Amino acid sequence: MAEIYDQIGGRKIGKWLAVHDGVQAELTKRAFEIAVRAEEILVQHRADGHAEIDIEAGDNNRYVILSDDRGQKAALSIEYGREESIVVREDKHGNKYLDVLPAMDGLYVLATASNLPKKRKGKVKLD
């Protein structure tokens, strides 16, 4: 009967595979391809926004990120859209007023670039 080992060189097989040079190179290549497609989609819709596509490297993973840190911090709304909402704003003189943010369909930049299904996230309750 064959004996099956769950470790190679003291590492679990999954971890050993994840850190393999060929696997890491393929992850980098795929993340770059997705980022290029995402940037192409984002550029088609950008008027004067500050959103951008970034790639982050984790220990064994790569992450393609839609970032709007320089702009209105609206990356979630850009990806999934938003419902109409009323917000309280304040002008430079300290006067408060109500402003209506119109509904917006999501662009699904990351989902489209990654060939993933476009799913709108459920409502999130903010405390």
Protein backbone atom coordinates (compact mmCIF):
# COMPACT_ATOMS: atom_id res chain seq x y z
CA MET A 1 0.00 0.00 0.00
CA ALA A 2 1.24 3.49 -0.85
CA GLU A 3 1.98 6.00 1.89
CA ILE A 4 0.82 9.58 1.29
CA TYR A 5 2.72 12.41 2.93
CA ASP A 6 0.97 15.68 3.74
CA GLN A 7 4.23 17.62 4.01
CA ILE A 8 7.31 18.32 1.91
CA GLY A 9 10.42 19.59 3.65
CA GLY A 10 8.39 20.39 6.79
CA ARG A 11 5.76 22.43 4.90
CA LYS A 12 2.19 21.44 4.15
CA ILE A 13 1.81 20.59 0.46
CA GLY A 14 -0.50 23.56 -0.18
CA LYS A 15 2.00 26.01 1.31
CA TRP A 16 4.88 24.35 -0.54
CA LEU A 17 3.01 24.76 -3.84
CA ALA A 18 1.97 28.34 -3.05
CA VAL A 19 5.54 29.54 -2.55
CA HIS A 20 6.93 27.69 -5.59
CA ASP A 21 8.68 30.12 -7.96
CA GLY A 22 6.54 29.07 -10.94
CA VAL A 23 3.30 29.58 -9.02
CA GLN A 24 4.41 32.99 -7.75
CA ALA A 25 5.45 34.06 -11.27
CA GLU A 26 2.06 33.00 -12.65
CA LEU A 27 0.22 34.90 -9.91
CA THR A 28 2.20 38.03 -10.73
CA LYS A 29 1.50 37.61 -14.45
CA ARG A 30 -2.24 37.06 -13.94
CA ALA A 31 -2.57 39.98 -11.52
CA PHE A 32 -0.85 42.25 -14.05
CA GLU A 33 -3.18 41.09 -16.87
CA ILE A 34 -6.26 41.70 -14.71
CA ALA A 35 -4.93 45.12 -13.65
CA VAL A 36 -4.37 46.15 -17.29
CA ARG A 37 -7.93 45.13 -18.24
CA ALA A 38 -9.33 46.90 -15.16
CA GLU A 39 -7.44 50.09 -15.98
CA GLU A 40 -8.81 50.01 -19.55
CA ILE A 41 -12.36 49.72 -18.21
CA LEU A 42 -11.81 52.46 -15.63
CA VAL A 43 -10.31 54.87 -18.18
CA GLN A 44 -13.42 54.53 -20.37
CA HIS A 45 -15.54 55.95 -17.52
CA ARG A 46 -13.16 58.44 -15.96
CA ALA A 47 -14.06 62.08 -16.44
CA ASP A 48 -11.97 63.76 -13.80
CA GLY A 49 -11.92 61.13 -11.09
CA HIS A 50 -8.94 60.06 -9.08
CA ALA A 51 -9.63 56.32 -8.90
CA GLU A 52 -6.82 54.03 -9.96
CA ILE A 53 -5.95 50.36 -10.19
CA ASP A 54 -3.18 49.05 -7.92
CA ILE A 55 -1.53 45.67 -7.43
CA GLU A 56 -0.55 44.59 -3.94
CA ALA A 57 1.58 41.55 -3.17
CA GLY A 58 0.78 39.53 -0.07
CA ASP A 59 2.88 36.69 1.33
CA ASN A 60 1.64 34.21 -1.27
CA ASN A 61 -1.08 36.15 -3.09
CA ARG A 62 -1.53 39.09 -5.41
CA TYR A 63 -4.39 41.56 -5.07
CA VAL A 64 -5.78 43.83 -7.78
CA ILE A 65 -7.32 46.84 -6.04
CA LEU A 66 -9.64 49.63 -7.16
CA SER A 67 -8.41 52.55 -5.07
CA ASP A 68 -9.98 55.98 -4.71
CA ASP A 69 -7.87 57.18 -1.79
CA ARG A 70 -6.96 60.42 -3.59
CA GLY A 71 -10.53 61.27 -4.55
CA GLN A 72 -13.91 60.87 -2.89
CA LYS A 73 -13.13 57.45 -1.39
CA ALA A 74 -15.88 56.00 -3.57
CA ALA A 75 -14.25 52.77 -4.79
CA LEU A 76 -17.12 50.64 -3.44
CA SER A 77 -19.69 52.82 -5.23
CA ILE A 78 -17.66 52.75 -8.42
CA GLU A 79 -17.54 48.95 -8.40
CA TYR A 80 -21.08 48.11 -7.19
CA GLY A 81 -23.08 51.32 -7.63
CA ARG A 82 -25.21 53.04 -5.02
CA GLU A 83 -28.80 53.93 -4.25
CA GLU A 84 -29.98 57.51 -4.09
CA SER A 85 -29.25 59.05 -0.71
CA ILE A 86 -29.54 62.34 1.09
CA VAL A 87 -26.49 63.66 2.92
CA VAL A 88 -25.89 66.65 5.14
CA ARG A 89 -23.14 68.90 3.84
CA GLU A 90 -21.49 71.97 5.25
CA ASP A 91 -20.26 74.94 3.21
CA LYS A 92 -17.16 77.01 3.97
CA HIS A 93 -19.20 79.33 6.21
CA GLY A 94 -20.43 76.48 8.41
CA ASN A 95 -23.96 76.49 6.98
CA LYS A 96 -25.47 73.01 6.74
CA TYR A 97 -27.67 71.90 3.88
CA LEU A 98 -29.12 68.72 2.43
CA ASP A 99 -27.69 67.34 -0.77
CA VAL A 100 -29.05 64.49 -2.88
CA LEU A 101 -26.59 61.92 -4.21
CA PRO A 102 -28.26 60.33 -7.23
CA ALA A 103 -28.34 56.58 -7.73
CA MET A 104 -25.49 55.19 -9.80
CA ASP A 105 -25.04 51.85 -11.52
CA GLY A 106 -21.87 50.00 -10.70
CA LEU A 107 -19.12 49.70 -13.30
CA TYR A 108 -17.96 46.27 -12.04
CA VAL A 109 -14.41 47.14 -13.06
CA LEU A 110 -12.70 44.40 -11.07
CA ALA A 111 -15.38 41.77 -11.66
CA THR A 112 -15.31 42.32 -15.42
CA ALA A 113 -11.50 42.42 -15.62
CA SER A 114 -11.29 39.20 -13.57
CA ASN A 115 -14.04 37.43 -15.55
CA LEU A 116 -16.06 37.03 -12.34
CA PRO A 117 -19.86 37.27 -12.07
CA LYS A 118 -21.25 40.75 -11.48
CA LYS A 119 -23.02 40.61 -8.14
CA ARG A 120 -24.31 43.63 -6.31
CA LYS A 121 -23.49 43.50 -2.64
CA GLY A 122 -26.31 43.56 -0.12
CA LYS A 123 -27.08 46.58 1.99
CA VAL A 124 -24.53 47.29 4.66
CA LYS A 125 -25.71 48.72 7.95
CA LEU A 126 -23.41 51.45 9.21
CA ASP A 127 -23.58 52.31 12.91
